[in-house]
Amino acid sequence: MKREIVIYRHYFKDFYSKQNAKVRKKIDFVLNILRHLDMIPEQYFKHLEGTSGLYEARIKLASNIFRIICFFDKGNLIILLNGFQKKTQKTPKNEIELAERLKKEYYESKKK
């Protein structure tokens, strides 16, 4: 395993549990790519421009597009924050703001 994946708080779990079995299977497939491949193809994982180190895991199933926002902590540890179905070209601002807030909370909680 190249990377460890950790879920922070409940947002990703809430998103994941609302998806049907096919979507969950595709999410699991992409997360396994993140865990095991040295070089992750951009179709599955990309830096979110204009953010402080946020990335999106990219899931496409038929005409549906889903995103999981995450970041790296201590090298090969990926922290999953939130997920959503993408319906527009740009990543929704409120999803990025939520992820930025959760990332900040994560680091603040580590200091305690």
Protein backbone atom coordinates (compact mmCIF):
# COMPACT_ATOMS: atom_id res chain seq x y z
CA MET A 1 0.00 0.00 0.00
CA LYS A 2 1.43 3.39 -1.06
CA ARG A 3 -0.99 5.61 0.85
CA GLU A 4 -3.27 5.33 3.85
CA ILE A 5 -6.75 6.85 3.68
CA VAL A 6 -8.52 8.27 6.74
CA ILE A 7 -12.02 9.76 6.94
CA TYR A 8 -12.35 12.97 8.95
CA ARG A 9 -15.70 13.58 10.67
CA HIS A 10 -18.98 12.41 9.12
CA TYR A 11 -19.35 14.31 5.84
CA PHE A 12 -17.80 11.72 3.54
CA LYS A 13 -19.58 8.84 5.32
CA ASP A 14 -22.92 10.65 4.94
CA PHE A 15 -22.29 11.18 1.22
CA TYR A 16 -21.12 7.58 0.69
CA SER A 17 -24.07 6.01 2.51
CA LYS A 18 -26.56 7.89 0.30
CA GLN A 19 -25.13 6.44 -2.92
CA ASN A 20 -26.41 3.33 -4.66
CA ALA A 21 -24.32 0.16 -4.85
CA LYS A 22 -22.86 0.95 -8.31
CA VAL A 23 -21.65 4.39 -7.21
CA ARG A 24 -20.19 3.00 -3.96
CA LYS A 25 -18.36 0.32 -5.95
CA LYS A 26 -16.85 2.97 -8.25
CA ILE A 27 -15.86 5.14 -5.25
CA ASP A 28 -14.16 2.09 -3.69
CA PHE A 29 -12.35 1.46 -7.01
CA VAL A 30 -10.99 5.03 -7.13
CA LEU A 31 -9.97 4.96 -3.45
CA ASN A 32 -8.05 1.73 -4.13
CA ILE A 33 -6.22 3.49 -6.97
CA LEU A 34 -5.26 6.23 -4.51
CA ARG A 35 -4.01 3.62 -2.04
CA HIS A 36 -1.94 1.51 -4.40
CA LEU A 37 -0.66 3.32 -7.51
CA ASP A 38 2.64 5.22 -7.48
CA MET A 39 1.46 7.70 -10.09
CA ILE A 40 -2.26 8.44 -9.97
CA PRO A 41 -3.79 9.40 -13.33
CA GLU A 42 -5.33 12.88 -13.36
CA GLN A 43 -8.67 11.40 -14.40
CA TYR A 44 -8.89 10.05 -10.81
CA PHE A 45 -7.11 12.65 -8.70
CA LYS A 46 -6.36 16.34 -9.19
CA HIS A 47 -5.24 19.38 -7.18
CA LEU A 48 -8.03 21.93 -6.70
CA GLU A 49 -6.65 25.18 -8.08
CA GLY A 50 -6.94 28.21 -5.83
CA THR A 51 -6.96 26.13 -2.63
CA SER A 52 -4.38 25.50 0.05
CA GLY A 53 -3.51 21.89 -0.74
CA LEU A 54 -6.97 20.46 -1.40
CA TYR A 55 -7.39 17.68 -3.95
CA GLU A 56 -10.39 16.01 -5.51
CA ALA A 57 -10.80 12.32 -6.05
CA ARG A 58 -12.72 12.11 -9.31
CA ILE A 59 -15.43 9.52 -9.90
CA LYS A 60 -17.37 9.17 -13.13
CA LEU A 61 -20.13 6.63 -13.62
CA ALA A 62 -22.06 6.85 -16.90
CA SER A 63 -23.10 10.52 -17.11
CA ASN A 64 -22.82 11.12 -13.35
CA ILE A 65 -19.79 12.85 -11.87
CA PHE A 66 -18.86 12.72 -8.19
CA ARG A 67 -16.05 14.37 -6.26
CA ILE A 68 -14.43 13.66 -2.92
CA ILE A 69 -12.40 16.53 -1.50
CA CYS A 70 -9.33 15.54 0.48
CA PHE A 71 -5.78 16.57 1.40
CA PHE A 72 -2.46 15.04 2.37
CA ASP A 73 -1.18 14.93 5.94
CA LYS A 74 2.37 13.75 6.66
CA GLY A 75 3.30 12.51 3.22
CA ASN A 76 1.26 9.48 2.28
CA LEU A 77 -1.76 9.95 4.54
CA ILE A 78 -4.86 11.11 2.65
CA ILE A 79 -7.65 12.70 4.70
CA LEU A 80 -11.13 12.45 3.12
CA LEU A 81 -13.33 15.44 3.96
CA ASN A 82 -16.55 15.63 1.96
CA GLY A 83 -18.14 14.27 -1.18
CA PHE A 84 -20.81 15.49 -3.57
CA GLN A 85 -22.31 14.94 -6.99
CA LYS A 86 -20.98 17.47 -9.46
CA LYS A 87 -23.66 19.11 -11.58
CA THR A 88 -21.76 22.11 -12.98
CA GLN A 89 -18.40 22.65 -14.65
CA LYS A 90 -16.84 24.33 -11.61
CA THR A 91 -16.55 22.78 -8.16
CA PRO A 92 -19.23 24.46 -6.00
CA LYS A 93 -17.81 27.21 -3.79
CA ASN A 94 -19.71 25.98 -0.72
CA GLU A 95 -18.09 22.53 -1.03
CA ILE A 96 -14.61 24.07 -1.18
CA GLU A 97 -15.40 26.34 1.79
CA LEU A 98 -16.63 23.34 3.81
CA ALA A 99 -13.45 21.40 2.95
CA GLU A 100 -11.21 24.34 3.89
CA ARG A 101 -13.02 24.66 7.24
CA LEU A 102 -12.74 20.91 7.92
CA LYS A 103 -9.04 20.90 7.03
CA LYS A 104 -8.44 23.76 9.46
CA GLU A 105 -10.44 21.92 12.18
CA TYR A 106 -8.41 18.76 11.52
CA TYR A 107 -5.09 20.51 12.13
CA GLU A 108 -6.42 22.39 15.16
CA SER A 109 -7.64 19.13 16.72
CA LYS A 110 -4.19 17.57 16.17
CA LYS A 111 -2.56 20.35 18.22
CA LYS A 112 -4.63 19.46 21.30
